[in-house]
């Protein structure tokens, strides 16, 4: 990531984002001054971490329910038919781990 010149990263979840922040700090990279980090899940861990983690909040229980419903629906479809789609509300919770790229400050 650093070799590619990236100024931000979106991690798979908050735990991986926190690990990314720790790894960057171990390499002497300051978050968010040099690299912004975003997680997914909006967990308590991200709210108490330093810097507080910017995260994408999503309804995880609803997502699990919807995934099962879509799978069951797809199983009943005749060959060649496309499965249903669903959209879940998400929001970006901006905290301390993100900032404009260094060249835009």
C-alpha atoms as a PDB file:
ATOM      1  CA  UNK A   1       0.000   0.000   0.000  1.00  0.00           C
ATOM      2  CA  UNK A   2       2.690   2.485   0.973  1.00  0.00           C
ATOM      3  CA  UNK A   3       4.862   1.584  -2.019  1.00  0.00           C
ATOM      4  CA  UNK A   4       1.914   2.272  -4.319  1.00  0.00           C
ATOM      5  CA  UNK A   5       1.503   5.788  -2.918  1.00  0.00           C
ATOM      6  CA  UNK A   6      -1.967   5.150  -1.482  1.00  0.00           C
ATOM      7  CA  UNK A   7      -3.276   7.846   0.843  1.00  0.00           C
ATOM      8  CA  UNK A   8      -6.142   5.800   2.218  1.00  0.00           C
ATOM      9  CA  UNK A   9      -7.350   2.265   2.852  1.00  0.00           C
ATOM     10  CA  UNK A  10     -10.735   0.662   3.517  1.00  0.00           C
ATOM     11  CA  UNK A  11     -10.333  -2.475   5.602  1.00  0.00           C
ATOM     12  CA  UNK A  12     -12.636  -5.513   5.533  1.00  0.00           C
ATOM     13  CA  UNK A  13     -13.821  -4.732   9.065  1.00  0.00           C
ATOM     14  CA  UNK A  14     -12.982  -2.543  12.068  1.00  0.00           C
ATOM     15  CA  UNK A  15     -10.626  -5.106  13.605  1.00  0.00           C
ATOM     16  CA  UNK A  16      -8.525  -5.249  10.439  1.00  0.00           C
ATOM     17  CA  UNK A  17      -8.586  -1.440  10.247  1.00  0.00           C
ATOM     18  CA  UNK A  18      -7.263  -1.203  13.799  1.00  0.00           C
ATOM     19  CA  UNK A  19      -4.527  -3.681  12.881  1.00  0.00           C
ATOM     20  CA  UNK A  20      -3.708  -1.560   9.831  1.00  0.00           C
ATOM     21  CA  UNK A  21      -3.389   1.538  12.005  1.00  0.00           C
ATOM     22  CA  UNK A  22      -1.071  -0.367  14.373  1.00  0.00           C
ATOM     23  CA  UNK A  23       1.020  -1.652  11.461  1.00  0.00           C
ATOM     24  CA  UNK A  24       1.294   1.814   9.952  1.00  0.00           C
ATOM     25  CA  UNK A  25       2.310   3.280  13.319  1.00  0.00           C
ATOM     26  CA  UNK A  26       4.976   0.573  13.608  1.00  0.00           C
ATOM     27  CA  UNK A  27       6.323   1.751  10.244  1.00  0.00           C
ATOM     28  CA  UNK A  28       6.377   5.380  11.378  1.00  0.00           C
ATOM     29  CA  UNK A  29       3.315   6.361   9.332  1.00  0.00           C
ATOM     30  CA  UNK A  30       0.879   8.751  11.012  1.00  0.00           C
ATOM     31  CA  UNK A  31      -2.877   8.159  10.663  1.00  0.00           C
ATOM     32  CA  UNK A  32      -4.600  10.264   9.371  1.00  0.00           C
ATOM     33  CA  UNK A  33      -1.865  12.818   8.599  1.00  0.00           C
ATOM     34  CA  UNK A  34      -0.220  10.544   6.009  1.00  0.00           C
ATOM     35  CA  UNK A  35      -2.780   7.764   5.409  1.00  0.00           C
ATOM     36  CA  UNK A  36      -6.511   7.610   6.154  1.00  0.00           C
ATOM     37  CA  UNK A  37      -8.014   4.347   7.414  1.00  0.00           C
ATOM     38  CA  UNK A  38     -11.695   3.298   7.267  1.00  0.00           C
ATOM     39  CA  UNK A  39     -13.215   0.175   8.791  1.00  0.00           C
ATOM     40  CA  UNK A  40     -16.553  -1.558   8.349  1.00  0.00           C
ATOM     41  CA  UNK A  41     -18.976  -2.536  11.164  1.00  0.00           C
ATOM     42  CA  UNK A  42     -18.770   0.533  13.452  1.00  0.00           C
ATOM     43  CA  UNK A  43     -17.850  -1.564  16.483  1.00  0.00           C
ATOM     44  CA  UNK A  44     -17.053  -0.414  20.015  1.00  0.00           C
ATOM     45  CA  UNK A  45     -13.371  -1.236  19.421  1.00  0.00           C
ATOM     46  CA  UNK A  46     -13.203   1.389  16.699  1.00  0.00           C
ATOM     47  CA  UNK A  47     -14.819   3.990  18.931  1.00  0.00           C
ATOM     48  CA  UNK A  48     -12.270   3.585  21.732  1.00  0.00           C
ATOM     49  CA  UNK A  49      -9.172   3.099  19.552  1.00  0.00           C
ATOM     50  CA  UNK A  50      -6.771   6.009  19.050  1.00  0.00           C
ATOM     51  CA  UNK A  51      -7.262   7.556  16.635  1.00  0.00           C
ATOM     52  CA  UNK A  52     -10.991   6.876  16.797  1.00  0.00           C
ATOM     53  CA  UNK A  53     -11.851   4.883  13.698  1.00  0.00           C
ATOM     54  CA  UNK A  54     -13.916   6.199  10.808  1.00  0.00           C
ATOM     55  CA  UNK A  55     -16.219   3.311   9.920  1.00  0.00           C
ATOM     56  CA  UNK A  56     -19.030   2.266   7.630  1.00  0.00           C
ATOM     57  CA  UNK A  57     -22.020   1.362   9.800  1.00  0.00           C
ATOM     58  CA  UNK A  58     -24.348  -1.292   8.452  1.00  0.00           C
ATOM     59  CA  UNK A  59     -27.165  -3.428   9.885  1.00  0.00           C
ATOM     60  CA  UNK A  60     -25.232  -6.703  10.253  1.00  0.00           C
ATOM     61  CA  UNK A  61     -28.154  -8.765  11.588  1.00  0.00           C
ATOM     62  CA  UNK A  62     -30.392  -7.572   8.771  1.00  0.00           C
ATOM     63  CA  UNK A  63     -27.607  -8.322   6.280  1.00  0.00           C
ATOM     64  CA  UNK A  64     -27.370 -11.905   7.542  1.00  0.00           C
ATOM     65  CA  UNK A  65     -31.131 -12.375   7.367  1.00  0.00           C
ATOM     66  CA  UNK A  66     -31.258 -10.926   3.860  1.00  0.00           C
ATOM     67  CA  UNK A  67     -28.412 -13.163   2.693  1.00  0.00           C
ATOM     68  CA  UNK A  68     -30.271 -16.283   3.837  1.00  0.00           C
ATOM     69  CA  UNK A  69     -33.534 -15.077   2.276  1.00  0.00           C
ATOM     70  CA  UNK A  70     -31.799 -14.348  -1.047  1.00  0.00           C
ATOM     71  CA  UNK A  71     -30.080 -17.733  -1.032  1.00  0.00           C
ATOM     72  CA  UNK A  72     -33.349 -19.560  -0.365  1.00  0.00           C
ATOM     73  CA  UNK A  73     -35.023 -17.559  -3.141  1.00  0.00           C
ATOM     74  CA  UNK A  74     -32.187 -18.358  -5.584  1.00  0.00           C
ATOM     75  CA  UNK A  75     -32.405 -22.077  -4.850  1.00  0.00           C
ATOM     76  CA  UNK A  76     -36.043 -22.097  -5.979  1.00  0.00           C
ATOM     77  CA  UNK A  77     -35.370 -20.261  -9.261  1.00  0.00           C
ATOM     78  CA  UNK A  78     -35.392 -22.143 -12.564  1.00  0.00           C
ATOM     79  CA  UNK A  79     -32.043 -22.339 -14.372  1.00  0.00           C
ATOM     80  CA  UNK A  80     -31.152 -19.129 -16.189  1.00  0.00           C
ATOM     81  CA  UNK A  81     -33.265 -16.828 -13.998  1.00  0.00           C
ATOM     82  CA  UNK A  82     -31.516 -14.109 -12.063  1.00  0.00           C
ATOM     83  CA  UNK A  83     -31.825 -13.830  -8.303  1.00  0.00           C
ATOM     84  CA  UNK A  84     -33.490 -10.990  -6.416  1.00  0.00           C
ATOM     85  CA  UNK A  85     -31.469  -8.088  -5.063  1.00  0.00           C
ATOM     86  CA  UNK A  86     -31.713  -6.135  -1.858  1.00  0.00           C
ATOM     87  CA  UNK A  87     -30.258  -2.875  -0.610  1.00  0.00           C
ATOM     88  CA  UNK A  88     -29.390  -2.168   3.009  1.00  0.00           C
ATOM     89  CA  UNK A  89     -28.990   1.285   4.508  1.00  0.00           C
ATOM     90  CA  UNK A  90     -25.416   2.112   5.454  1.00  0.00           C
ATOM     91  CA  UNK A  91     -23.743   5.262   6.700  1.00  0.00           C
ATOM     92  CA  UNK A  92     -20.235   6.599   7.005  1.00  0.00           C
ATOM     93  CA  UNK A  93     -19.375   7.531  10.592  1.00  0.00           C
ATOM     94  CA  UNK A  94     -16.503   9.993  10.326  1.00  0.00           C
ATOM     95  CA  UNK A  95     -14.106  10.047  13.242  1.00  0.00           C
ATOM     96  CA  UNK A  96     -10.366  10.718  13.684  1.00  0.00           C
ATOM     97  CA  UNK A  97      -8.752   8.178  11.318  1.00  0.00           C
ATOM     98  CA  UNK A  98      -9.487  10.062   8.090  1.00  0.00           C
ATOM     99  CA  UNK A  99      -8.383  13.391   6.659  1.00  0.00           C
ATOM    100  CA  UNK A 100      -7.888  14.962   3.234  1.00  0.00           C
ATOM    101  CA  UNK A 101      -4.872  13.538   1.352  1.00  0.00           C
ATOM    102  CA  UNK A 102      -1.597  15.212   2.370  1.00  0.00           C
ATOM    103  CA  UNK A 103      -1.246  17.010  -0.983  1.00  0.00           C
ATOM    104  CA  UNK A 104      -4.702  18.626  -0.581  1.00  0.00           C
ATOM    105  CA  UNK A 105      -4.184  20.071   2.922  1.00  0.00           C
END
